[in-house]
Amino acid sequence: MAAQIFDIHSETPQQFRITKIAHDIREGAVILYPTDTGWALGCNLSNKQAIKRVRDIRNISEKHPLTFLCESLTNISEFAKVSNSVYRAVRRLIPGPYTFILPATRNVPRFAQDPKRKTTGIRVPDATIAMALLRELGHPLISISAKIGDEAVDDHDMLIGSLESRVDIVVTSRSYSFQGESTVIDMTGDEFEIMRAGAGVETVVEQLGIAVPA
């Protein structure tokens, strides 16, 4: 069965559509939607079956850590252990294309965190549609980059055509502003480390004074 397609304005999202999508996410829907870093697959943080579907679509195991989107720094501190230094650093960077790897709190379901390190990846996106969904949901949203097989695809129509039969909702817009894959920052230790240099990495280097890995 083909997914429901919701075309949403990229700057002023239609609230009635946002409300409908959020309702379906709470009921277990898996969505394909645009973020600041590109197309993503998403579902409710606490829905084990929906998360399994996301993993199946991406063909990744339960050992593969997932990222989730938060609306604010308050959300981050609810789901991750945030020291004073982490708080100050994250505040300088959000919202934006950054994934923060942090120790997970008990509020993160075991099936949504790294099983070995007990960590989680968290982002606060600089994306109007994603933020509207987060505000309506009132809690974080699982998010992982959408690909065909292992390949990222720039062609919107090709990506949607490949995945729409496997998701419940596709969120489209008249325009997109993708910055590229996120910069991943490990903040679990005393010294922060860039695990992947992606979009906005220059800002990370400038703000946090850490080096890009060779």
N, C-alpha and C. Protein backbone atom coordinates (compact mmCIF):
# COMPACT_ATOMS: atom_id res chain seq x y z
N MET A 1 0.85 -1.20 0.00
CA MET A 1 0.00 0.00 0.00
C MET A 1 0.88 1.25 0.00
N ALA A 2 0.58 2.19 -0.90
CA ALA A 2 1.39 3.40 -1.01
C ALA A 2 1.18 4.30 0.20
N ALA A 3 2.18 5.06 0.51
CA ALA A 3 2.13 5.97 1.66
C ALA A 3 1.21 7.15 1.36
N GLN A 4 0.69 7.75 2.44
CA GLN A 4 0.02 9.04 2.32
C GLN A 4 1.08 10.11 2.08
N ILE A 5 0.82 11.01 1.15
CA ILE A 5 1.78 12.07 0.86
C ILE A 5 1.20 13.40 1.32
N PHE A 6 1.97 14.10 2.16
CA PHE A 6 1.57 15.40 2.67
C PHE A 6 2.56 16.44 2.15
N ASP A 7 2.08 17.37 1.35
CA ASP A 7 2.93 18.46 0.88
C ASP A 7 2.81 19.61 1.88
N ILE A 8 3.93 20.00 2.47
CA ILE A 8 3.92 20.98 3.55
C ILE A 8 4.82 22.15 3.18
N HIS A 9 4.35 23.34 3.47
CA HIS A 9 5.11 24.55 3.17
C HIS A 9 6.40 24.55 4.00
N SER A 10 7.52 24.87 3.35
CA SER A 10 8.82 24.76 4.02
C SER A 10 9.06 25.86 5.06
N GLU A 11 8.33 26.98 4.97
CA GLU A 11 8.54 28.07 5.92
C GLU A 11 7.36 28.25 6.87
N THR A 12 6.15 28.00 6.39
CA THR A 12 4.96 28.13 7.25
C THR A 12 4.14 26.85 7.14
N PRO A 13 4.57 25.80 7.83
CA PRO A 13 3.88 24.50 7.74
C PRO A 13 2.39 24.59 8.12
N GLN A 14 1.55 23.94 7.33
CA GLN A 14 0.11 23.94 7.61
C GLN A 14 -0.14 23.11 8.87
N GLN A 15 -0.69 23.75 9.90
CA GLN A 15 -0.81 23.10 11.20
C GLN A 15 -1.71 21.87 11.16
N PHE A 16 -2.78 21.90 10.37
CA PHE A 16 -3.68 20.75 10.36
C PHE A 16 -2.99 19.52 9.80
N ARG A 17 -2.06 19.71 8.88
CA ARG A 17 -1.31 18.57 8.34
C ARG A 17 -0.26 18.09 9.35
N ILE A 18 0.39 19.02 10.01
CA ILE A 18 1.35 18.65 11.06
C ILE A 18 0.65 17.86 12.16
N THR A 19 -0.54 18.29 12.56
CA THR A 19 -1.30 17.61 13.60
C THR A 19 -1.65 16.18 13.19
N LYS A 20 -2.07 16.01 11.95
CA LYS A 20 -2.43 14.68 11.44
C LYS A 20 -1.21 13.76 11.42
N ILE A 21 -0.08 14.26 10.93
CA ILE A 21 1.14 13.44 10.86
C ILE A 21 1.59 13.04 12.26
N ALA A 22 1.57 14.00 13.20
CA ALA A 22 1.99 13.71 14.57
C ALA A 22 1.09 12.64 15.20
N HIS A 23 -0.19 12.74 14.94
CA HIS A 23 -1.13 11.73 15.45
C HIS A 23 -0.76 10.35 14.93
N ASP A 24 -0.48 10.26 13.62
CA ASP A 24 -0.15 8.97 13.03
C ASP A 24 1.19 8.43 13.55
N ILE A 25 2.14 9.33 13.81
CA ILE A 25 3.41 8.90 14.39
C ILE A 25 3.17 8.28 15.77
N ARG A 26 2.33 8.91 16.56
CA ARG A 26 2.02 8.36 17.89
C ARG A 26 1.37 6.98 17.77
N GLU A 27 0.65 6.76 16.67
CA GLU A 27 -0.02 5.48 16.45
C GLU A 27 0.89 4.44 15.81
N GLY A 28 2.15 4.79 15.55
CA GLY A 28 3.11 3.81 15.04
C GLY A 28 3.55 4.00 13.61
N ALA A 29 3.18 5.12 12.99
CA ALA A 29 3.56 5.35 11.59
C ALA A 29 5.07 5.56 11.43
N VAL A 30 5.58 5.11 10.31
CA VAL A 30 6.95 5.39 9.88
C VAL A 30 6.87 6.43 8.77
N ILE A 31 7.69 7.48 8.87
CA ILE A 31 7.60 8.55 7.89
C ILE A 31 8.93 8.77 7.17
N LEU A 32 8.82 9.29 5.96
CA LEU A 32 9.96 9.77 5.18
C LEU A 32 9.79 11.28 5.10
N TYR A 33 10.77 12.03 5.57
CA TYR A 33 10.58 13.48 5.70
C TYR A 33 11.90 14.22 5.54
N PRO A 34 11.83 15.51 5.19
CA PRO A 34 13.05 16.30 5.01
C PRO A 34 13.53 16.93 6.31
N THR A 35 14.85 16.93 6.51
CA THR A 35 15.46 17.63 7.63
C THR A 35 16.51 18.59 7.07
N ASP A 36 17.27 19.22 7.93
CA ASP A 36 18.33 20.12 7.46
C ASP A 36 19.50 19.37 6.83
N THR A 37 19.67 18.11 7.19
CA THR A 37 20.81 17.34 6.66
C THR A 37 20.44 16.47 5.46
N GLY A 38 19.15 16.38 5.15
CA GLY A 38 18.71 15.55 4.03
C GLY A 38 17.44 14.79 4.37
N TRP A 39 17.08 13.85 3.51
CA TRP A 39 15.90 13.02 3.76
C TRP A 39 16.17 12.05 4.91
N ALA A 40 15.15 11.82 5.72
CA ALA A 40 15.29 10.93 6.86
C ALA A 40 14.07 10.04 7.01
N LEU A 41 14.30 8.91 7.65
CA LEU A 41 13.21 8.03 8.08
C LEU A 41 12.97 8.33 9.56
N GLY A 42 11.70 8.37 9.95
CA GLY A 42 11.41 8.70 11.33
C GLY A 42 10.25 7.92 11.90
N CYS A 43 10.21 7.84 13.22
CA CYS A 43 9.10 7.18 13.92
C CYS A 43 9.15 7.60 15.38
N ASN A 44 8.17 7.15 16.13
CA ASN A 44 8.08 7.46 17.54
C ASN A 44 9.24 6.81 18.31
N LEU A 45 9.82 7.57 19.21
CA LEU A 45 10.96 7.08 19.99
C LEU A 45 10.63 5.83 20.81
N SER A 46 9.40 5.71 21.27
CA SER A 46 9.04 4.61 22.17
C SER A 46 8.35 3.44 21.49
N ASN A 47 8.24 3.47 20.16
CA ASN A 47 7.52 2.40 19.46
C ASN A 47 8.51 1.38 18.90
N LYS A 48 8.64 0.27 19.59
CA LYS A 48 9.62 -0.74 19.23
C LYS A 48 9.37 -1.31 17.84
N GLN A 49 8.11 -1.55 17.48
CA GLN A 49 7.79 -2.12 16.19
C GLN A 49 8.12 -1.15 15.05
N ALA A 50 7.82 0.13 15.27
CA ALA A 50 8.13 1.13 14.25
C ALA A 50 9.64 1.25 14.06
N ILE A 51 10.38 1.21 15.15
CA ILE A 51 11.84 1.27 15.05
C ILE A 51 12.37 0.05 14.31
N LYS A 52 11.80 -1.11 14.54
CA LYS A 52 12.20 -2.31 13.80
C LYS A 52 11.96 -2.13 12.31
N ARG A 53 10.84 -1.51 11.95
CA ARG A 53 10.56 -1.27 10.53
C ARG A 53 11.61 -0.33 9.93
N VAL A 54 11.99 0.70 10.68
CA VAL A 54 13.02 1.62 10.20
C VAL A 54 14.32 0.87 9.97
N ARG A 55 14.68 0.02 10.92
CA ARG A 55 15.91 -0.76 10.77
C ARG A 55 15.81 -1.69 9.56
N ASP A 56 14.66 -2.29 9.34
CA ASP A 56 14.48 -3.19 8.19
C ASP A 56 14.60 -2.43 6.88
N ILE A 57 14.00 -1.24 6.81
CA ILE A 57 14.09 -0.44 5.59
C ILE A 57 15.54 -0.09 5.27
N ARG A 58 16.30 0.27 6.29
CA ARG A 58 17.70 0.61 6.10
C ARG A 58 18.62 -0.61 6.12
N ASN A 59 18.06 -1.77 6.43
CA ASN A 59 18.84 -3.01 6.49
C ASN A 59 20.00 -2.89 7.47
N ILE A 60 19.69 -2.44 8.67
CA ILE A 60 20.69 -2.33 9.72
C ILE A 60 20.26 -3.16 10.92
N SER A 61 21.22 -3.63 11.69
CA SER A 61 20.95 -4.52 12.81
C SER A 61 20.55 -3.73 14.05
N GLU A 62 20.13 -4.45 15.08
CA GLU A 62 19.78 -3.82 16.35
C GLU A 62 20.99 -3.21 17.03
N LYS A 63 22.17 -3.58 16.61
CA LYS A 63 23.39 -3.04 17.20
C LYS A 63 23.74 -1.67 16.63
N HIS A 64 23.12 -1.32 15.51
CA HIS A 64 23.40 -0.03 14.88
C HIS A 64 22.67 1.07 15.65
N PRO A 65 23.42 2.05 16.21
CA PRO A 65 22.77 3.10 17.00
C PRO A 65 21.91 4.00 16.14
N LEU A 66 20.83 4.50 16.71
CA LEU A 66 19.95 5.42 16.03
C LEU A 66 20.07 6.81 16.64
N THR A 67 19.76 7.80 15.82
CA THR A 67 19.75 9.18 16.28
C THR A 67 18.31 9.61 16.49
N PHE A 68 18.08 10.55 17.41
CA PHE A 68 16.75 11.13 17.44
C PHE A 68 16.83 12.64 17.54
N LEU A 69 15.78 13.26 17.03
CA LEU A 69 15.71 14.71 16.98
C LEU A 69 14.99 15.24 18.21
N CYS A 70 15.51 16.33 18.77
CA CYS A 70 14.90 17.02 19.89
C CYS A 70 14.56 18.44 19.50
N GLU A 71 13.59 19.01 20.19
CA GLU A 71 13.19 20.38 19.90
C GLU A 71 14.13 21.39 20.54
N SER A 72 14.73 21.05 21.69
CA SER A 72 15.51 22.03 22.43
C SER A 72 16.54 21.36 23.33
N LEU A 73 17.33 22.19 23.95
CA LEU A 73 18.33 21.70 24.91
C LEU A 73 17.66 21.05 26.11
N THR A 74 16.46 21.50 26.46
CA THR A 74 15.72 20.89 27.56
C THR A 74 15.43 19.42 27.26
N ASN A 75 15.00 19.14 26.02
CA ASN A 75 14.77 17.76 25.61
C ASN A 75 16.04 16.94 25.70
N ILE A 76 17.16 17.52 25.27
CA ILE A 76 18.43 16.79 25.29
C ILE A 76 18.77 16.35 26.71
N SER A 77 18.64 17.26 27.67
CA SER A 77 19.01 16.92 29.05
C SER A 77 18.07 15.90 29.67
N GLU A 78 16.89 15.74 29.07
CA GLU A 78 15.95 14.73 29.56
C GLU A 78 16.36 13.33 29.11
N PHE A 79 17.00 13.24 27.95
CA PHE A 79 17.31 11.94 27.38
C PHE A 79 18.80 11.61 27.37
N ALA A 80 19.64 12.56 27.78
CA ALA A 80 21.08 12.32 27.83
C ALA A 80 21.67 12.97 29.07
N LYS A 81 22.74 12.37 29.56
CA LYS A 81 23.43 12.92 30.71
C LYS A 81 24.32 14.06 30.22
N VAL A 82 23.99 15.26 30.67
CA VAL A 82 24.63 16.47 30.15
C VAL A 82 25.39 17.18 31.26
N SER A 83 26.70 17.22 31.14
CA SER A 83 27.53 17.94 32.10
C SER A 83 27.48 19.44 31.77
N ASN A 84 28.05 20.24 32.65
CA ASN A 84 28.07 21.69 32.41
C ASN A 84 28.83 22.04 31.14
N SER A 85 29.95 21.36 30.91
CA SER A 85 30.74 21.66 29.71
C SER A 85 30.00 21.24 28.45
N VAL A 86 29.29 20.12 28.51
CA VAL A 86 28.49 19.68 27.36
C VAL A 86 27.36 20.67 27.11
N TYR A 87 26.71 21.10 28.17
CA TYR A 87 25.60 22.05 28.04
C TYR A 87 26.06 23.32 27.33
N ARG A 88 27.19 23.85 27.76
CA ARG A 88 27.69 25.09 27.16
C ARG A 88 28.06 24.88 25.69
N ALA A 89 28.66 23.74 25.39
CA ALA A 89 29.08 23.46 24.02
C ALA A 89 27.88 23.27 23.09
N VAL A 90 26.92 22.49 23.54
CA VAL A 90 25.74 22.22 22.72
C VAL A 90 24.96 23.51 22.47
N ARG A 91 24.86 24.34 23.49
CA ARG A 91 24.10 25.59 23.36
C ARG A 91 24.68 26.48 22.27
N ARG A 92 25.99 26.40 22.05
CA ARG A 92 26.63 27.22 21.01
C ARG A 92 26.29 26.75 19.60
N LEU A 93 25.90 25.49 19.46
CA LEU A 93 25.76 24.90 18.13
C LEU A 93 24.34 24.68 17.66
N ILE A 94 23.39 24.61 18.57
CA ILE A 94 22.03 24.28 18.15
C ILE A 94 21.23 25.55 17.87
N PRO A 95 20.26 25.43 16.91
CA PRO A 95 19.98 24.26 16.06
C PRO A 95 20.99 24.19 14.92
N GLY A 96 21.15 23.02 14.36
CA GLY A 96 22.08 22.88 13.26
C GLY A 96 22.36 21.44 12.90
N PRO A 97 23.23 21.22 11.92
CA PRO A 97 23.51 19.87 11.41
C PRO A 97 24.55 19.12 12.24
N TYR A 98 24.27 18.96 13.53
CA TYR A 98 25.22 18.34 14.44
C TYR A 98 24.56 17.20 15.21
N THR A 99 25.26 16.08 15.28
CA THR A 99 24.80 14.94 16.08
C THR A 99 25.71 14.81 17.29
N PHE A 100 25.13 14.87 18.47
CA PHE A 100 25.90 14.78 19.71
C PHE A 100 25.76 13.37 20.29
N ILE A 101 26.88 12.70 20.47
CA ILE A 101 26.88 11.37 21.08
C ILE A 101 27.08 11.55 22.57
N LEU A 102 26.06 11.13 23.34
CA LEU A 102 26.04 11.37 24.78
C LEU A 102 25.58 10.12 25.52
N PRO A 103 25.94 10.00 26.81
CA PRO A 103 25.44 8.87 27.61
C PRO A 103 23.92 8.96 27.72
N ALA A 104 23.24 7.86 27.46
CA ALA A 104 21.78 7.84 27.49
C ALA A 104 21.26 7.78 28.92
N THR A 105 20.14 8.44 29.16
CA THR A 105 19.44 8.31 30.44
C THR A 105 18.45 7.15 30.34
N ARG A 106 17.76 6.89 31.42
CA ARG A 106 16.77 5.81 31.43
C ARG A 106 15.56 6.12 30.57
N ASN A 107 15.43 7.36 30.16
CA ASN A 107 14.29 7.74 29.31
C ASN A 107 14.44 7.27 27.87
N VAL A 108 15.65 6.85 27.50
CA VAL A 108 15.88 6.34 26.15
C VAL A 108 15.66 4.83 26.16
N PRO A 109 14.70 4.32 25.40
CA PRO A 109 14.48 2.86 25.36
C PRO A 109 15.75 2.13 24.93
N ARG A 110 15.96 0.96 25.45
CA ARG A 110 17.18 0.19 25.15
C ARG A 110 17.31 -0.09 23.67
N PHE A 111 16.15 -0.27 22.98
CA PHE A 111 16.20 -0.59 21.57
C PHE A 111 16.47 0.64 20.70
N ALA A 112 16.66 1.82 21.32
CA ALA A 112 16.95 3.03 20.56
C ALA A 112 18.32 3.61 20.91
N GLN A 113 19.16 2.83 21.60
CA GLN A 113 20.49 3.33 21.96
C GLN A 113 21.56 2.33 21.58
N ASP A 114 22.81 2.78 21.64
CA ASP A 114 23.93 1.89 21.36
C ASP A 114 24.01 0.87 22.48
N PRO A 115 23.83 -0.43 22.17
CA PRO A 115 23.74 -1.44 23.23
C PRO A 115 25.05 -1.66 23.99
N LYS A 116 26.17 -1.36 23.36
CA LYS A 116 27.46 -1.58 24.02
C LYS A 116 27.87 -0.38 24.87
N ARG A 117 27.78 0.80 24.29
CA ARG A 117 28.26 1.99 24.98
C ARG A 117 27.19 2.67 25.84
N LYS A 118 25.92 2.26 25.66
CA LYS A 118 24.82 2.90 26.38
C LYS A 118 24.78 4.40 26.09
N THR A 119 24.98 4.72 24.84
CA THR A 119 24.96 6.12 24.40
C THR A 119 23.83 6.31 23.40
N THR A 120 23.57 7.57 23.12
CA THR A 120 22.57 7.89 22.11
C THR A 120 23.04 9.10 21.31
N GLY A 121 22.57 9.19 20.08
CA GLY A 121 22.89 10.33 19.23
C GLY A 121 21.70 11.27 19.18
N ILE A 122 21.94 12.54 19.44
CA ILE A 122 20.85 13.51 19.54
C ILE A 122 21.15 14.72 18.66
N ARG A 123 20.08 15.21 17.98
CA ARG A 123 20.21 16.41 17.16
C ARG A 123 19.07 17.38 17.46
N VAL A 124 19.35 18.66 17.28
CA VAL A 124 18.31 19.69 17.25
C VAL A 124 18.39 20.30 15.87
N PRO A 125 17.48 19.94 14.98
CA PRO A 125 17.60 20.33 13.57
C PRO A 125 17.27 21.79 13.31
N ASP A 126 17.92 22.34 12.31
CA ASP A 126 17.59 23.68 11.83
C ASP A 126 16.69 23.49 10.61
N ALA A 127 15.48 23.00 10.85
CA ALA A 127 14.55 22.62 9.78
C ALA A 127 13.13 22.89 10.26
N THR A 128 12.42 23.76 9.56
CA THR A 128 11.12 24.23 10.00
C THR A 128 10.09 23.10 10.12
N ILE A 129 10.03 22.23 9.12
CA ILE A 129 9.03 21.16 9.14
C ILE A 129 9.31 20.19 10.27
N ALA A 130 10.57 19.78 10.41
CA ALA A 130 10.93 18.85 11.48
C ALA A 130 10.64 19.46 12.84
N MET A 131 10.95 20.74 13.02
CA MET A 131 10.69 21.38 14.31
C MET A 131 9.20 21.49 14.60
N ALA A 132 8.40 21.72 13.55
CA ALA A 132 6.95 21.78 13.74
C ALA A 132 6.42 20.44 14.21
N LEU A 133 6.93 19.36 13.63
CA LEU A 133 6.53 18.02 14.06
C LEU A 133 6.93 17.75 15.51
N LEU A 134 8.13 18.16 15.86
CA LEU A 134 8.61 17.95 17.23
C LEU A 134 7.77 18.71 18.24
N ARG A 135 7.42 19.94 17.92
CA ARG A 135 6.58 20.72 18.83
C ARG A 135 5.21 20.08 19.01
N GLU A 136 4.65 19.58 17.91
CA GLU A 136 3.33 18.97 17.99
C GLU A 136 3.38 17.65 18.75
N LEU A 137 4.44 16.86 18.52
CA LEU A 137 4.58 15.58 19.22
C LEU A 137 4.81 15.78 20.71
N GLY A 138 5.62 16.76 21.05
CA GLY A 138 5.95 17.00 22.45
C GLY A 138 7.03 16.09 22.98
N HIS A 139 7.67 15.34 22.10
CA HIS A 139 8.77 14.47 22.50
C HIS A 139 9.65 14.18 21.27
N PRO A 140 10.84 13.61 21.47
CA PRO A 140 11.75 13.39 20.35
C PRO A 140 11.22 12.43 19.28
N LEU A 141 11.87 12.50 18.14
CA LEU A 141 11.51 11.70 16.98
C LEU A 141 12.74 10.93 16.50
N ILE A 142 12.61 9.62 16.38
CA ILE A 142 13.70 8.82 15.82
C ILE A 142 14.02 9.33 14.42
N SER A 143 15.30 9.41 14.08
CA SER A 143 15.68 9.90 12.76
C SER A 143 16.95 9.20 12.29
N ILE A 144 16.89 8.69 11.07
CA ILE A 144 18.07 8.11 10.44
C ILE A 144 18.01 8.44 8.96
N SER A 145 19.16 8.72 8.37
CA SER A 145 19.19 9.14 6.97
C SER A 145 18.53 8.10 6.08
N ALA A 146 17.77 8.58 5.12
CA ALA A 146 17.07 7.71 4.17
C ALA A 146 17.99 7.43 2.98
N LYS A 147 18.13 6.17 2.65
CA LYS A 147 18.99 5.76 1.54
C LYS A 147 18.31 4.66 0.73
N ILE A 148 18.81 4.46 -0.47
CA ILE A 148 18.40 3.31 -1.26
C ILE A 148 19.55 2.31 -1.16
N GLY A 149 19.32 1.22 -0.45
CA GLY A 149 20.43 0.32 -0.14
C GLY A 149 21.36 1.04 0.81
N ASP A 150 22.62 1.15 0.45
CA ASP A 150 23.59 1.86 1.27
C ASP A 150 23.95 3.21 0.68
N GLU A 151 23.22 3.62 -0.36
CA GLU A 151 23.59 4.83 -1.09
C GLU A 151 22.64 5.99 -0.79
N ALA A 152 23.22 7.14 -0.48
CA ALA A 152 22.42 8.36 -0.38
C ALA A 152 22.03 8.78 -1.78
N VAL A 153 20.81 9.28 -1.93
CA VAL A 153 20.29 9.63 -3.24
C VAL A 153 19.85 11.09 -3.23
N ASP A 154 20.34 11.86 -4.21
CA ASP A 154 19.98 13.27 -4.30
C ASP A 154 18.68 13.49 -5.06
N ASP A 155 18.30 12.52 -5.88
CA ASP A 155 17.09 12.64 -6.68
C ASP A 155 15.86 12.37 -5.80
N HIS A 156 15.09 13.43 -5.51
CA HIS A 156 13.95 13.31 -4.60
C HIS A 156 12.93 12.29 -5.10
N ASP A 157 12.60 12.39 -6.38
CA ASP A 157 11.58 11.50 -6.94
C ASP A 157 12.02 10.04 -6.88
N MET A 158 13.29 9.79 -7.15
CA MET A 158 13.82 8.43 -7.11
C MET A 158 13.75 7.87 -5.70
N LEU A 159 14.14 8.69 -4.71
CA LEU A 159 14.13 8.23 -3.32
C LEU A 159 12.71 7.93 -2.86
N ILE A 160 11.80 8.86 -3.13
CA ILE A 160 10.41 8.67 -2.72
C ILE A 160 9.81 7.46 -3.42
N GLY A 161 10.07 7.33 -4.73
CA GLY A 161 9.54 6.20 -5.47
C GLY A 161 10.02 4.87 -4.94
N SER A 162 11.26 4.85 -4.44
CA SER A 162 11.84 3.61 -3.92
C SER A 162 11.30 3.25 -2.54
N LEU A 163 10.97 4.26 -1.74
CA LEU A 163 10.63 4.00 -0.33
C LEU A 163 9.16 4.17 0.03
N GLU A 164 8.36 4.77 -0.84
CA GLU A 164 6.99 5.11 -0.43
C GLU A 164 6.13 3.89 -0.13
N SER A 165 6.46 2.74 -0.70
CA SER A 165 5.68 1.54 -0.40
C SER A 165 6.06 0.92 0.93
N ARG A 166 7.14 1.41 1.54
CA ARG A 166 7.64 0.82 2.78
C ARG A 166 7.41 1.71 4.01
N VAL A 167 6.91 2.93 3.76
CA VAL A 167 6.60 3.84 4.86
C VAL A 167 5.11 4.16 4.83
N ASP A 168 4.63 4.79 5.87
CA ASP A 168 3.21 5.14 5.97
C ASP A 168 2.92 6.56 5.49
N ILE A 169 3.91 7.43 5.66
CA ILE A 169 3.74 8.84 5.33
C ILE A 169 5.00 9.36 4.63
N VAL A 170 4.79 10.14 3.57
CA VAL A 170 5.88 10.87 2.93
C VAL A 170 5.57 12.35 3.05
N VAL A 171 6.51 13.10 3.60
CA VAL A 171 6.35 14.55 3.73
C VAL A 171 7.18 15.22 2.65
N THR A 172 6.51 15.96 1.78
CA THR A 172 7.21 16.68 0.71
C THR A 172 7.03 18.18 0.90
N SER A 173 7.78 18.96 0.11
CA SER A 173 7.67 20.40 0.14
C SER A 173 8.02 20.94 -1.24
N ARG A 174 7.72 22.20 -1.46
CA ARG A 174 8.04 22.81 -2.76
C ARG A 174 9.54 23.11 -2.87
N SER A 175 10.20 23.25 -1.74
CA SER A 175 11.63 23.55 -1.76
C SER A 175 12.31 22.88 -0.57
N TYR A 176 13.59 22.55 -0.76
CA TYR A 176 14.36 21.89 0.29
C TYR A 176 15.67 22.64 0.47
N SER A 177 16.18 22.60 1.70
CA SER A 177 17.46 23.24 2.00
C SER A 177 18.30 22.25 2.79
N PHE A 178 18.96 21.36 2.06
CA PHE A 178 19.76 20.32 2.69
C PHE A 178 21.22 20.77 2.79
N GLN A 179 21.81 20.62 3.97
CA GLN A 179 23.20 21.03 4.18
C GLN A 179 24.19 19.89 4.01
N GLY A 180 23.70 18.67 3.94
CA GLY A 180 24.59 17.52 3.87
C GLY A 180 24.63 16.79 5.19
N GLU A 181 25.29 15.64 5.23
CA GLU A 181 25.29 14.81 6.43
C GLU A 181 25.83 15.58 7.63
N SER A 182 25.34 15.21 8.80
CA SER A 182 25.69 15.94 10.02
C SER A 182 27.13 15.69 10.44
N THR A 183 27.67 16.65 11.16
CA THR A 183 28.94 16.45 11.85
C THR A 183 28.64 15.75 13.17
N VAL A 184 29.34 14.65 13.42
CA VAL A 184 29.09 13.84 14.62
C VAL A 184 30.17 14.14 15.66
N ILE A 185 29.75 14.50 16.87
CA ILE A 185 30.68 14.87 17.94
C ILE A 185 30.47 13.95 19.13
N ASP A 186 31.52 13.23 19.50
CA ASP A 186 31.48 12.36 20.67
C ASP A 186 31.74 13.21 21.92
N MET A 187 30.75 13.28 22.79
CA MET A 187 30.86 14.09 24.00
C MET A 187 30.79 13.22 25.26
N THR A 188 31.15 11.96 25.14
CA THR A 188 31.04 11.05 26.28
C THR A 188 32.23 11.14 27.23
N GLY A 189 33.33 11.71 26.76
CA GLY A 189 34.52 11.81 27.60
C GLY A 189 34.83 13.24 28.00
N ASP A 190 35.94 13.42 28.69
CA ASP A 190 36.35 14.76 29.11
C ASP A 190 36.74 15.62 27.92
N GLU A 191 37.28 14.98 26.88
CA GLU A 191 37.66 15.69 25.67
C GLU A 191 36.68 15.35 24.55
N PHE A 192 36.12 16.36 23.90
CA PHE A 192 35.20 16.13 22.80
C PHE A 192 35.98 15.71 21.55
N GLU A 193 35.36 14.91 20.73
CA GLU A 193 36.03 14.40 19.53
C GLU A 193 35.07 14.39 18.34
N ILE A 194 35.54 14.86 17.21
CA ILE A 194 34.75 14.81 15.99
C ILE A 194 34.89 13.41 15.39
N MET A 195 33.80 12.68 15.35
CA MET A 195 33.81 11.32 14.80
C MET A 195 33.58 11.33 13.29
N ARG A 196 32.83 12.31 12.80
CA ARG A 196 32.59 12.46 11.37
C ARG A 196 32.50 13.94 11.05
N ALA A 197 33.32 14.38 10.11
CA ALA A 197 33.29 15.78 9.68
C ALA A 197 32.25 15.93 8.58
N GLY A 198 31.20 16.65 8.88
CA GLY A 198 30.13 16.86 7.91
C GLY A 198 29.77 18.33 7.81
N ALA A 199 28.50 18.61 7.61
CA ALA A 199 28.05 19.99 7.48
C ALA A 199 28.35 20.78 8.76
N GLY A 200 28.79 22.01 8.58
CA GLY A 200 29.03 22.89 9.72
C GLY A 200 30.25 22.55 10.55
N VAL A 201 31.13 21.70 10.05
CA VAL A 201 32.29 21.29 10.86
C VAL A 201 33.18 22.48 11.19
N GLU A 202 33.25 23.46 10.30
CA GLU A 202 34.08 24.65 10.56
C GLU A 202 33.60 25.38 11.81
N THR A 203 32.29 25.44 11.99
CA THR A 203 31.72 26.09 13.17
C THR A 203 32.08 25.32 14.44
N VAL A 204 32.07 23.98 14.36
CA VAL A 204 32.44 23.16 15.51
C VAL A 204 33.88 23.44 15.91
N VAL A 205 34.77 23.48 14.93
CA VAL A 205 36.19 23.75 15.19
C VAL A 205 36.35 25.13 15.83
N GLU A 206 35.63 26.10 15.28
CA GLU A 206 35.74 27.47 15.78
C GLU A 206 35.17 27.61 17.19
N GLN A 207 34.01 27.02 17.42
CA GLN A 207 33.32 27.20 18.70
C GLN A 207 33.90 26.34 19.83
N LEU A 208 34.32 25.13 19.49
CA LEU A 208 34.76 24.19 20.52
C LEU A 208 36.26 23.99 20.56
N GLY A 209 36.96 24.46 19.54
CA GLY A 209 38.40 24.36 19.54
C GLY A 209 38.92 22.95 19.45
N ILE A 210 38.21 22.06 18.74
CA ILE A 210 38.68 20.68 18.57
C ILE A 210 39.04 20.46 17.11
N ALA A 211 39.97 19.54 16.89
CA ALA A 211 40.52 19.33 15.55
C ALA A 211 39.69 18.35 14.75
N VAL A 212 39.69 18.55 13.44
CA VAL A 212 39.06 17.59 12.52
C VAL A 212 39.99 16.39 12.39
N PRO A 213 39.48 15.17 12.52
CA PRO A 213 40.35 14.00 12.39
C PRO A 213 40.98 13.91 11.01
N ALA A 214 42.21 13.42 10.98
CA ALA A 214 42.93 13.31 9.71
C ALA A 214 42.29 12.27 8.81
